[in-house]
Amino acid sequence: MAISALVVALCAVTVTVKVMRTDAITIEQERVLDQASLERQVAADLQGVGDDPVKVVACPASVVVKVGTTFSCSYLRRGNIQEADVEVTSDQGSLRVTAAA
């Protein structure tokens, strides 16, 4: 009887130690671009000298800040809806904006 109690106690200690030694799972929330800032930057990047101003820009919400991420934004210029291709070029949120052909 004493031996079985000792075995149970040792098993409990072993399980406790193993549970305590496991690494905690960390969940890192993905950073996303601020949509209003993104749309302002796209408008500024599309604005060339002498161009008609870009009136409205619409980009997707919750774009993840990850190098190589690509997406499209729509914008209004001269009464026409046009598309711009956008690529995230740094983990700090730098972008490359090009008017789609």
C-alpha atoms as a PDB file:
ATOM      1  CA  MET A   1       0.000   0.000   0.000  1.00  0.00           C
ATOM      2  CA  ALA A   2       2.787   2.422   0.886  1.00  0.00           C
ATOM      3  CA  ILE A   3       4.599   1.582  -2.334  1.00  0.00           C
ATOM      4  CA  SER A   4       1.557   2.379  -4.508  1.00  0.00           C
ATOM      5  CA  ALA A   5       1.095   5.732  -2.726  1.00  0.00           C
ATOM      6  CA  LEU A   6       4.745   6.498  -3.372  1.00  0.00           C
ATOM      7  CA  VAL A   7       4.371   5.600  -7.071  1.00  0.00           C
ATOM      8  CA  VAL A   8       1.298   7.837  -7.381  1.00  0.00           C
ATOM      9  CA  ALA A   9       3.145  10.711  -5.674  1.00  0.00           C
ATOM     10  CA  LEU A  10       6.154  10.328  -7.976  1.00  0.00           C
ATOM     11  CA  CYS A  11       3.919  10.255 -11.049  1.00  0.00           C
ATOM     12  CA  ALA A  12       2.162  13.419  -9.882  1.00  0.00           C
ATOM     13  CA  VAL A  13       5.495  15.186  -9.373  1.00  0.00           C
ATOM     14  CA  THR A  14       6.731  14.044 -12.795  1.00  0.00           C
ATOM     15  CA  VAL A  15       3.588  15.278 -14.546  1.00  0.00           C
ATOM     16  CA  THR A  16       3.752  18.610 -12.711  1.00  0.00           C
ATOM     17  CA  VAL A  17       7.395  19.146 -13.649  1.00  0.00           C
ATOM     18  CA  LYS A  18       6.736  18.291 -17.317  1.00  0.00           C
ATOM     19  CA  VAL A  19       3.767  20.646 -17.499  1.00  0.00           C
ATOM     20  CA  MET A  20       5.723  23.470 -15.909  1.00  0.00           C
ATOM     21  CA  ARG A  21       8.696  22.958 -18.254  1.00  0.00           C
ATOM     22  CA  THR A  22       6.709  23.185 -21.478  1.00  0.00           C
ATOM     23  CA  ASP A  23       7.146  26.464 -23.275  1.00  0.00           C
ATOM     24  CA  ALA A  24       4.201  28.767 -23.182  1.00  0.00           C
ATOM     25  CA  ILE A  25       2.554  29.294 -26.536  1.00  0.00           C
ATOM     26  CA  THR A  26       2.856  32.912 -27.545  1.00  0.00           C
ATOM     27  CA  ILE A  27       0.424  34.307 -30.026  1.00  0.00           C
ATOM     28  CA  GLU A  28       1.728  37.349 -31.792  1.00  0.00           C
ATOM     29  CA  GLN A  29      -0.928  39.497 -33.328  1.00  0.00           C
ATOM     30  CA  GLU A  30      -0.173  40.399 -36.931  1.00  0.00           C
ATOM     31  CA  ARG A  31       0.450  44.061 -37.553  1.00  0.00           C
ATOM     32  CA  VAL A  32      -1.804  45.651 -40.146  1.00  0.00           C
ATOM     33  CA  LEU A  33      -1.549  48.915 -42.047  1.00  0.00           C
ATOM     34  CA  ASP A  34      -3.717  51.795 -40.873  1.00  0.00           C
ATOM     35  CA  GLN A  35      -6.288  52.085 -43.653  1.00  0.00           C
ATOM     36  CA  ALA A  36      -6.631  55.886 -43.615  1.00  0.00           C
ATOM     37  CA  SER A  37      -2.848  56.375 -43.683  1.00  0.00           C
ATOM     38  CA  LEU A  38      -2.529  53.757 -46.405  1.00  0.00           C
ATOM     39  CA  GLU A  39      -5.066  55.515 -48.616  1.00  0.00           C
ATOM     40  CA  ARG A  40      -3.381  58.906 -48.060  1.00  0.00           C
ATOM     41  CA  GLN A  41       0.011  57.442 -48.980  1.00  0.00           C
ATOM     42  CA  VAL A  42      -1.354  55.787 -52.123  1.00  0.00           C
ATOM     43  CA  ALA A  43      -2.974  59.084 -53.179  1.00  0.00           C
ATOM     44  CA  ALA A  44       0.282  60.965 -52.565  1.00  0.00           C
ATOM     45  CA  ASP A  45       2.362  58.388 -54.469  1.00  0.00           C
ATOM     46  CA  LEU A  46      -0.014  58.525 -57.448  1.00  0.00           C
ATOM     47  CA  GLN A  47       0.065  62.312 -57.566  1.00  0.00           C
ATOM     48  CA  GLY A  48       2.581  63.502 -60.147  1.00  0.00           C
ATOM     49  CA  VAL A  49       3.499  67.045 -61.052  1.00  0.00           C
ATOM     50  CA  GLY A  50       0.751  68.555 -63.179  1.00  0.00           C
ATOM     51  CA  ASP A  51      -1.562  65.562 -62.782  1.00  0.00           C
ATOM     52  CA  ASP A  52      -5.192  65.968 -61.973  1.00  0.00           C
ATOM     53  CA  PRO A  53      -5.546  65.227 -58.263  1.00  0.00           C
ATOM     54  CA  VAL A  54      -6.531  61.810 -57.032  1.00  0.00           C
ATOM     55  CA  LYS A  55      -9.973  62.358 -55.527  1.00  0.00           C
ATOM     56  CA  VAL A  56     -10.822  59.166 -53.666  1.00  0.00           C
ATOM     57  CA  VAL A  57      -8.744  56.098 -52.797  1.00  0.00           C
ATOM     58  CA  ALA A  58     -10.182  52.803 -51.553  1.00  0.00           C
ATOM     59  CA  CYS A  59      -7.826  50.092 -50.290  1.00  0.00           C
ATOM     60  CA  PRO A  60      -8.606  46.804 -48.562  1.00  0.00           C
ATOM     61  CA  ALA A  61      -8.873  46.825 -44.781  1.00  0.00           C
ATOM     62  CA  SER A  62      -6.478  44.933 -42.512  1.00  0.00           C
ATOM     63  CA  VAL A  63      -3.533  44.602 -44.904  1.00  0.00           C
ATOM     64  CA  VAL A  64      -0.840  42.637 -43.035  1.00  0.00           C
ATOM     65  CA  VAL A  65       2.573  44.305 -42.740  1.00  0.00           C
ATOM     66  CA  LYS A  66       4.667  41.582 -44.352  1.00  0.00           C
ATOM     67  CA  VAL A  67       7.314  42.120 -47.000  1.00  0.00           C
ATOM     68  CA  GLY A  68       6.027  40.949 -50.371  1.00  0.00           C
ATOM     69  CA  THR A  69       2.327  41.352 -49.588  1.00  0.00           C
ATOM     70  CA  THR A  70       0.569  42.716 -52.675  1.00  0.00           C
ATOM     71  CA  PHE A  71      -2.910  44.130 -53.123  1.00  0.00           C
ATOM     72  CA  SER A  72      -4.837  46.594 -55.282  1.00  0.00           C
ATOM     73  CA  CYS A  73      -6.425  49.927 -54.443  1.00  0.00           C
ATOM     74  CA  SER A  74      -9.030  51.740 -56.509  1.00  0.00           C
ATOM     75  CA  TYR A  75      -8.872  55.485 -57.006  1.00  0.00           C
ATOM     76  CA  LEU A  76     -10.825  58.197 -58.783  1.00  0.00           C
ATOM     77  CA  ARG A  77      -9.050  60.577 -61.170  1.00  0.00           C
ATOM     78  CA  ARG A  78     -10.603  62.654 -63.952  1.00  0.00           C
ATOM     79  CA  GLY A  79     -13.950  61.019 -63.238  1.00  0.00           C
ATOM     80  CA  ASN A  80     -12.576  57.538 -63.950  1.00  0.00           C
ATOM     81  CA  ILE A  81     -12.087  54.706 -61.494  1.00  0.00           C
ATOM     82  CA  GLN A  82      -8.582  53.315 -61.875  1.00  0.00           C
ATOM     83  CA  GLU A  83      -6.489  50.671 -60.140  1.00  0.00           C
ATOM     84  CA  ALA A  84      -3.115  50.848 -58.433  1.00  0.00           C
ATOM     85  CA  ASP A  85      -0.936  47.880 -57.528  1.00  0.00           C
ATOM     86  CA  VAL A  86       0.642  48.134 -54.080  1.00  0.00           C
ATOM     87  CA  GLU A  87       3.406  46.043 -52.527  1.00  0.00           C
ATOM     88  CA  VAL A  88       4.680  46.104 -48.934  1.00  0.00           C
ATOM     89  CA  THR A  89       8.465  46.554 -49.251  1.00  0.00           C
ATOM     90  CA  SER A  90       9.590  46.585 -45.601  1.00  0.00           C
ATOM     91  CA  ASP A  91       8.503  45.310 -42.211  1.00  0.00           C
ATOM     92  CA  GLN A  92       8.071  48.970 -41.259  1.00  0.00           C
ATOM     93  CA  GLY A  93       5.215  49.343 -43.738  1.00  0.00           C
ATOM     94  CA  SER A  94       7.004  51.001 -46.677  1.00  0.00           C
ATOM     95  CA  LEU A  95       5.091  50.628 -49.922  1.00  0.00           C
ATOM     96  CA  ARG A  96       5.684  50.569 -53.677  1.00  0.00           C
ATOM     97  CA  VAL A  97       2.677  52.020 -55.527  1.00  0.00           C
ATOM     98  CA  THR A  98       2.276  51.734 -59.280  1.00  0.00           C
ATOM     99  CA  ALA A  99      -0.685  52.693 -61.425  1.00  0.00           C
ATOM    100  CA  ALA A 100      -2.016  49.538 -63.051  1.00  0.00           C
ATOM    101  CA  ALA A 101      -1.708  49.471 -66.814  1.00  0.00           C
END
